[in-house]
Amino acid sequence: MAIEEAKKEEVEPECQPEPPVAHEKEEEKAIVPVEPLAHEEKPVDDDTKALAIVEKSTEVCEEKPKEGSISRDDVLAKVAAEKKEALVKAWEESEKSKAENKAQQKISSIQAWENSKKAELEAVLKKIEEDLEIKKAKYVEKMKNKAVLIHKRAEEKRAATEAKCKEEILKTEEIAAKCRAIGEAPKKLLGWFKS
């Protein structure tokens, strides 16, 4: 039993193991199974063989390099993790670009909708302006016709007033000629006393 404890003490390295470097050659360590000696008693538990580490070089305290399937599994796990990370990154970029494209399409459709609505409003405004121009032209025509009618009535009134004035002048001249011929004074001296 004391031998096994001594062997266990030898198994534990005194320094911290350094991580293995893949490209550097490490000194080999061998694990050798140790069988109990014939004069020693067998331990109570089922361990019939104990393992002892035999170092070929005692100068450097190094950990045994991972060999075979263990390092291959680690490499495969790293590759799988990198592959998953690349897939996640690609998916993320794809989803981002999909979202950006969708937003860009939505913005384009909103811009097209806005432009069509503005065009509709401009068409309505232009139609209203045309209608207003037509109405304005009609009103201008009406106003010109009314102005012509007013001018015509004014001319008629002027002509009537001038005709009446000429009649009164003629009448006055006739009365004055009669008064001169008779030698009498007119009966009505002032025109504002006429009734």
C-alpha atoms as a PDB file:
ATOM      1  CA  MET A   1       0.000   0.000   0.000  1.00  0.00           C
ATOM      2  CA  ALA A   2       2.861   2.362   0.738  1.00  0.00           C
ATOM      3  CA  ILE A   3       4.295   1.687  -2.709  1.00  0.00           C
ATOM      4  CA  GLU A   4       1.044   2.716  -4.372  1.00  0.00           C
ATOM      5  CA  GLU A   5       1.028   5.978  -2.407  1.00  0.00           C
ATOM      6  CA  ALA A   6       4.566   6.646  -3.469  1.00  0.00           C
ATOM      7  CA  LYS A   7       3.644   5.896  -7.041  1.00  0.00           C
ATOM      8  CA  LYS A   8       0.667   8.232  -6.806  1.00  0.00           C
ATOM      9  CA  GLU A   9       2.931  10.971  -5.522  1.00  0.00           C
ATOM     10  CA  GLU A  10       5.208  10.490  -8.467  1.00  0.00           C
ATOM     11  CA  VAL A  11       2.241  10.691 -10.840  1.00  0.00           C
ATOM     12  CA  GLU A  12       1.235  14.247  -9.889  1.00  0.00           C
ATOM     13  CA  PRO A  13       3.354  16.830 -11.712  1.00  0.00           C
ATOM     14  CA  GLU A  14       4.924  19.566  -9.616  1.00  0.00           C
ATOM     15  CA  CYS A  15       4.374  22.356 -12.123  1.00  0.00           C
ATOM     16  CA  GLN A  16       1.284  23.489 -13.978  1.00  0.00           C
ATOM     17  CA  PRO A  17       0.853  21.724 -17.296  1.00  0.00           C
ATOM     18  CA  GLU A  18       1.251  23.992 -20.322  1.00  0.00           C
ATOM     19  CA  PRO A  19      -1.257  23.792 -23.159  1.00  0.00           C
ATOM     20  CA  PRO A  20      -0.028  21.568 -25.957  1.00  0.00           C
ATOM     21  CA  VAL A  21       1.358  23.284 -29.033  1.00  0.00           C
ATOM     22  CA  ALA A  22       0.417  21.483 -32.208  1.00  0.00           C
ATOM     23  CA  HIS A  23       3.537  22.232 -34.232  1.00  0.00           C
ATOM     24  CA  GLU A  24       6.211  21.637 -31.587  1.00  0.00           C
ATOM     25  CA  LYS A  25       7.504  18.186 -30.744  1.00  0.00           C
ATOM     26  CA  GLU A  26       7.007  17.221 -27.165  1.00  0.00           C
ATOM     27  CA  GLU A  27       8.887  14.670 -25.253  1.00  0.00           C
ATOM     28  CA  GLU A  28       7.001  11.461 -24.911  1.00  0.00           C
ATOM     29  CA  LYS A  29       5.702  10.009 -21.674  1.00  0.00           C
ATOM     30  CA  ALA A  30       4.627   6.459 -21.410  1.00  0.00           C
ATOM     31  CA  ILE A  31       1.997   4.968 -19.184  1.00  0.00           C
ATOM     32  CA  VAL A  32       3.059   1.563 -17.976  1.00  0.00           C
ATOM     33  CA  PRO A  33       0.711  -0.759 -16.113  1.00  0.00           C
ATOM     34  CA  VAL A  34       2.149  -1.893 -12.783  1.00  0.00           C
ATOM     35  CA  GLU A  35       1.206  -5.249 -11.355  1.00  0.00           C
ATOM     36  CA  PRO A  36       1.323  -5.855  -7.627  1.00  0.00           C
ATOM     37  CA  LEU A  37       4.241  -7.898  -6.426  1.00  0.00           C
ATOM     38  CA  ALA A  38       3.669 -11.426  -5.290  1.00  0.00           C
ATOM     39  CA  HIS A  39       4.647 -10.771  -1.689  1.00  0.00           C
ATOM     40  CA  GLU A  40       2.295  -7.745  -1.440  1.00  0.00           C
ATOM     41  CA  GLU A  41      -1.265  -8.148  -0.425  1.00  0.00           C
ATOM     42  CA  LYS A  42      -3.915  -7.337  -2.944  1.00  0.00           C
ATOM     43  CA  PRO A  43      -6.009  -4.310  -2.103  1.00  0.00           C
ATOM     44  CA  VAL A  44      -9.584  -4.780  -1.031  1.00  0.00           C
ATOM     45  CA  ASP A  45     -11.045  -2.946  -4.012  1.00  0.00           C
ATOM     46  CA  ASP A  46     -11.228  -4.429  -7.502  1.00  0.00           C
ATOM     47  CA  ASP A  47      -8.214  -2.612  -8.862  1.00  0.00           C
ATOM     48  CA  THR A  48      -5.815  -5.326  -9.851  1.00  0.00           C
ATOM     49  CA  LYS A  49      -3.462  -3.126 -11.768  1.00  0.00           C
ATOM     50  CA  ALA A  50      -2.150   0.285 -10.867  1.00  0.00           C
ATOM     51  CA  LEU A  51      -0.755   2.716 -13.384  1.00  0.00           C
ATOM     52  CA  ALA A  52       2.568   4.420 -13.032  1.00  0.00           C
ATOM     53  CA  ILE A  53       3.892   7.198 -15.217  1.00  0.00           C
ATOM     54  CA  VAL A  54       7.436   6.718 -16.412  1.00  0.00           C
ATOM     55  CA  GLU A  55       8.971   9.864 -17.730  1.00  0.00           C
ATOM     56  CA  LYS A  56      11.662   9.642 -20.337  1.00  0.00           C
ATOM     57  CA  SER A  57      12.858  13.145 -19.640  1.00  0.00           C
ATOM     58  CA  THR A  58      12.743  14.640 -16.172  1.00  0.00           C
ATOM     59  CA  GLU A  59      14.114  18.064 -17.162  1.00  0.00           C
ATOM     60  CA  VAL A  60      10.860  19.625 -18.372  1.00  0.00           C
ATOM     61  CA  CYS A  61       7.494  19.164 -16.707  1.00  0.00           C
ATOM     62  CA  GLU A  62       5.061  18.772 -19.597  1.00  0.00           C
ATOM     63  CA  GLU A  63       1.656  17.289 -20.087  1.00  0.00           C
ATOM     64  CA  LYS A  64       1.200  14.378 -22.417  1.00  0.00           C
ATOM     65  CA  PRO A  65       0.098  15.598 -25.834  1.00  0.00           C
ATOM     66  CA  LYS A  66      -3.350  14.730 -26.936  1.00  0.00           C
ATOM     67  CA  GLU A  67      -3.177  12.071 -29.552  1.00  0.00           C
ATOM     68  CA  GLY A  68      -5.473  10.400 -31.994  1.00  0.00           C
ATOM     69  CA  SER A  69      -9.196  10.749 -31.557  1.00  0.00           C
ATOM     70  CA  ILE A  70      -9.007  13.134 -28.601  1.00  0.00           C
ATOM     71  CA  SER A  71      -7.254  15.936 -30.532  1.00  0.00           C
ATOM     72  CA  ARG A  72      -9.231  15.055 -33.655  1.00  0.00           C
ATOM     73  CA  ASP A  73     -12.455  15.391 -31.681  1.00  0.00           C
ATOM     74  CA  ASP A  74     -11.310  18.771 -30.397  1.00  0.00           C
ATOM     75  CA  VAL A  75     -10.437  19.919 -33.901  1.00  0.00           C
ATOM     76  CA  LEU A  76     -13.742  18.612 -35.238  1.00  0.00           C
ATOM     77  CA  ALA A  77     -15.577  20.369 -32.399  1.00  0.00           C
ATOM     78  CA  LYS A  78     -13.745  23.617 -33.226  1.00  0.00           C
ATOM     79  CA  VAL A  79     -14.553  23.212 -36.916  1.00  0.00           C
ATOM     80  CA  ALA A  80     -18.200  22.482 -36.085  1.00  0.00           C
ATOM     81  CA  ALA A  81     -18.341  25.530 -33.802  1.00  0.00           C
ATOM     82  CA  GLU A  82     -16.738  27.723 -36.477  1.00  0.00           C
ATOM     83  CA  LYS A  83     -19.150  26.314 -39.046  1.00  0.00           C
ATOM     84  CA  LYS A  84     -22.102  27.070 -36.759  1.00  0.00           C
ATOM     85  CA  GLU A  85     -20.758  30.583 -36.142  1.00  0.00           C
ATOM     86  CA  ALA A  86     -20.321  31.125 -39.888  1.00  0.00           C
ATOM     87  CA  LEU A  87     -23.850  29.841 -40.516  1.00  0.00           C
ATOM     88  CA  VAL A  88     -25.243  32.086 -37.800  1.00  0.00           C
ATOM     89  CA  LYS A  89     -23.347  35.066 -39.209  1.00  0.00           C
ATOM     90  CA  ALA A  90     -24.512  34.287 -42.754  1.00  0.00           C
ATOM     91  CA  TRP A  91     -28.105  33.870 -41.532  1.00  0.00           C
ATOM     92  CA  GLU A  92     -27.860  37.147 -39.614  1.00  0.00           C
ATOM     93  CA  GLU A  93     -26.526  39.003 -42.670  1.00  0.00           C
ATOM     94  CA  SER A  94     -29.202  37.408 -44.840  1.00  0.00           C
ATOM     95  CA  GLU A  95     -31.990  38.392 -42.442  1.00  0.00           C
ATOM     96  CA  LYS A  96     -30.600  41.923 -42.143  1.00  0.00           C
ATOM     97  CA  SER A  97     -30.440  42.298 -45.919  1.00  0.00           C
ATOM     98  CA  LYS A  98     -33.963  40.851 -46.223  1.00  0.00           C
ATOM     99  CA  ALA A  99     -35.225  43.359 -43.657  1.00  0.00           C
ATOM    100  CA  GLU A 100     -33.419  46.219 -45.394  1.00  0.00           C
ATOM    101  CA  ASN A 101     -34.768  45.138 -48.809  1.00  0.00           C
ATOM    102  CA  LYS A 102     -38.270  44.816 -47.398  1.00  0.00           C
ATOM    103  CA  ALA A 103     -38.032  48.261 -45.811  1.00  0.00           C
ATOM    104  CA  GLN A 104     -36.636  49.707 -49.054  1.00  0.00           C
ATOM    105  CA  GLN A 105     -39.515  48.175 -51.037  1.00  0.00           C
ATOM    106  CA  LYS A 106     -41.997  49.561 -48.512  1.00  0.00           C
ATOM    107  CA  ILE A 107     -40.389  53.001 -48.708  1.00  0.00           C
ATOM    108  CA  SER A 108     -40.467  52.824 -52.520  1.00  0.00           C
ATOM    109  CA  SER A 109     -44.142  51.869 -52.508  1.00  0.00           C
ATOM    110  CA  ILE A 110     -44.889  54.696 -50.043  1.00  0.00           C
ATOM    111  CA  GLN A 111     -42.985  57.117 -52.299  1.00  0.00           C
ATOM    112  CA  ALA A 112     -44.929  55.875 -55.336  1.00  0.00           C
ATOM    113  CA  TRP A 113     -48.213  56.224 -53.421  1.00  0.00           C
ATOM    114  CA  GLU A 114     -47.263  59.749 -52.338  1.00  0.00           C
ATOM    115  CA  ASN A 115     -46.310  60.705 -55.894  1.00  0.00           C
ATOM    116  CA  SER A 116     -49.566  59.301 -57.319  1.00  0.00           C
ATOM    117  CA  LYS A 117     -51.649  61.128 -54.684  1.00  0.00           C
ATOM    118  CA  LYS A 118     -49.782  64.367 -55.361  1.00  0.00           C
ATOM    119  CA  ALA A 119     -50.354  63.892 -59.088  1.00  0.00           C
ATOM    120  CA  GLU A 120     -54.069  63.323 -58.443  1.00  0.00           C
ATOM    121  CA  LEU A 121     -54.240  66.490 -56.335  1.00  0.00           C
ATOM    122  CA  GLU A 122     -52.380  68.466 -58.977  1.00  0.00           C
ATOM    123  CA  ALA A 123     -54.783  67.156 -61.636  1.00  0.00           C
ATOM    124  CA  VAL A 124     -57.771  68.145 -59.473  1.00  0.00           C
ATOM    125  CA  LEU A 125     -56.210  71.556 -58.820  1.00  0.00           C
ATOM    126  CA  LYS A 126     -55.518  72.043 -62.529  1.00  0.00           C
ATOM    127  CA  LYS A 127     -59.128  71.072 -63.344  1.00  0.00           C
ATOM    128  CA  ILE A 128     -60.406  73.515 -60.720  1.00  0.00           C
ATOM    129  CA  GLU A 129     -58.113  76.203 -62.143  1.00  0.00           C
ATOM    130  CA  GLU A 130     -59.407  75.466 -65.651  1.00  0.00           C
ATOM    131  CA  ASP A 131     -62.985  75.581 -64.368  1.00  0.00           C
ATOM    132  CA  LEU A 132     -62.204  78.835 -62.603  1.00  0.00           C
ATOM    133  CA  GLU A 133     -60.609  80.206 -65.758  1.00  0.00           C
ATOM    134  CA  ILE A 134     -63.732  79.245 -67.716  1.00  0.00           C
ATOM    135  CA  LYS A 135     -65.956  80.815 -65.033  1.00  0.00           C
ATOM    136  CA  LYS A 136     -63.708  83.868 -64.947  1.00  0.00           C
ATOM    137  CA  ALA A 137     -63.947  84.169 -68.730  1.00  0.00           C
ATOM    138  CA  LYS A 138     -67.749  83.865 -68.515  1.00  0.00           C
ATOM    139  CA  TYR A 139     -67.914  86.487 -65.752  1.00  0.00           C
ATOM    140  CA  VAL A 140     -65.557  88.765 -67.654  1.00  0.00           C
ATOM    141  CA  GLU A 141     -67.771  88.369 -70.715  1.00  0.00           C
ATOM    142  CA  LYS A 142     -70.852  89.107 -68.625  1.00  0.00           C
ATOM    143  CA  MET A 143     -69.190  92.138 -67.065  1.00  0.00           C
ATOM    144  CA  LYS A 144     -68.089  93.383 -70.485  1.00  0.00           C
ATOM    145  CA  ASN A 145     -71.642  92.900 -71.771  1.00  0.00           C
ATOM    146  CA  LYS A 146     -72.985  94.775 -68.735  1.00  0.00           C
ATOM    147  CA  ALA A 147     -70.419  97.536 -69.308  1.00  0.00           C
ATOM    148  CA  VAL A 148     -71.508  97.741 -72.923  1.00  0.00           C
ATOM    149  CA  LEU A 149     -75.157  97.888 -71.835  1.00  0.00           C
ATOM    150  CA  ILE A 150     -74.370 100.570 -69.280  1.00  0.00           C
ATOM    151  CA  HIS A 151     -72.436 102.528 -71.884  1.00  0.00           C
ATOM    152  CA  LYS A 152     -75.341 102.121 -74.342  1.00  0.00           C
ATOM    153  CA  ARG A 153     -77.869 103.301 -71.730  1.00  0.00           C
ATOM    154  CA  ALA A 154     -75.602 106.188 -70.802  1.00  0.00           C
ATOM    155  CA  GLU A 155     -75.332 107.168 -74.478  1.00  0.00           C
ATOM    156  CA  GLU A 156     -79.107 106.918 -74.816  1.00  0.00           C
ATOM    157  CA  LYS A 157     -79.604 109.061 -71.707  1.00  0.00           C
ATOM    158  CA  ARG A 158     -76.993 111.550 -72.920  1.00  0.00           C
ATOM    159  CA  ALA A 159     -78.646 111.679 -76.327  1.00  0.00           C
ATOM    160  CA  ALA A 160     -82.072 112.100 -74.731  1.00  0.00           C
ATOM    161  CA  THR A 161     -80.743 114.815 -72.427  1.00  0.00           C
ATOM    162  CA  GLU A 162     -79.047 116.620 -75.293  1.00  0.00           C
ATOM    163  CA  ALA A 163     -82.198 116.288 -77.419  1.00  0.00           C
ATOM    164  CA  LYS A 164     -84.328 117.667 -74.588  1.00  0.00           C
ATOM    165  CA  CYS A 165     -81.851 120.473 -74.080  1.00  0.00           C
ATOM    166  CA  LYS A 166     -81.961 121.320 -77.813  1.00  0.00           C
ATOM    167  CA  GLU A 167     -85.793 121.206 -77.734  1.00  0.00           C
ATOM    168  CA  GLU A 168     -85.867 123.597 -74.778  1.00  0.00           C
ATOM    169  CA  ILE A 169     -83.406 125.902 -76.504  1.00  0.00           C
ATOM    170  CA  LEU A 170     -85.537 125.864 -79.651  1.00  0.00           C
ATOM    171  CA  LYS A 171     -88.673 126.443 -77.611  1.00  0.00           C
ATOM    172  CA  THR A 172     -86.952 129.294 -75.767  1.00  0.00           C
ATOM    173  CA  GLU A 173     -85.787 130.797 -79.040  1.00  0.00           C
ATOM    174  CA  GLU A 174     -89.337 130.516 -80.464  1.00  0.00           C
ATOM    175  CA  ILE A 175     -90.839 132.195 -77.389  1.00  0.00           C
ATOM    176  CA  ALA A 176     -88.168 134.909 -77.525  1.00  0.00           C
ATOM    177  CA  ALA A 177     -88.901 135.477 -81.235  1.00  0.00           C
ATOM    178  CA  LYS A 178     -92.663 135.716 -80.505  1.00  0.00           C
ATOM    179  CA  CYS A 179     -92.039 138.143 -77.657  1.00  0.00           C
ATOM    180  CA  ARG A 180     -89.897 140.271 -79.911  1.00  0.00           C
ATOM    181  CA  ALA A 181     -92.456 140.140 -82.655  1.00  0.00           C
ATOM    182  CA  ILE A 182     -95.305 141.137 -80.327  1.00  0.00           C
ATOM    183  CA  GLY A 183     -93.129 143.402 -78.270  1.00  0.00           C
ATOM    184  CA  GLU A 184     -94.280 141.959 -75.013  1.00  0.00           C
ATOM    185  CA  ALA A 185     -92.191 140.499 -72.248  1.00  0.00           C
ATOM    186  CA  PRO A 186     -92.372 136.793 -71.657  1.00  0.00           C
ATOM    187  CA  LYS A 187     -94.866 135.654 -69.036  1.00  0.00           C
ATOM    188  CA  LYS A 188     -92.444 133.455 -67.185  1.00  0.00           C
ATOM    189  CA  LEU A 189     -89.276 135.375 -66.395  1.00  0.00           C
ATOM    190  CA  LEU A 190     -87.252 132.721 -64.732  1.00  0.00           C
ATOM    191  CA  GLY A 191     -87.150 129.067 -65.675  1.00  0.00           C
ATOM    192  CA  TRP A 192     -86.962 127.742 -62.128  1.00  0.00           C
ATOM    193  CA  PHE A 193     -90.453 129.032 -61.334  1.00  0.00           C
ATOM    194  CA  LYS A 194     -92.062 126.716 -63.909  1.00  0.00           C
ATOM    195  CA  SER A 195     -94.479 124.309 -62.709  1.00  0.00           C
END
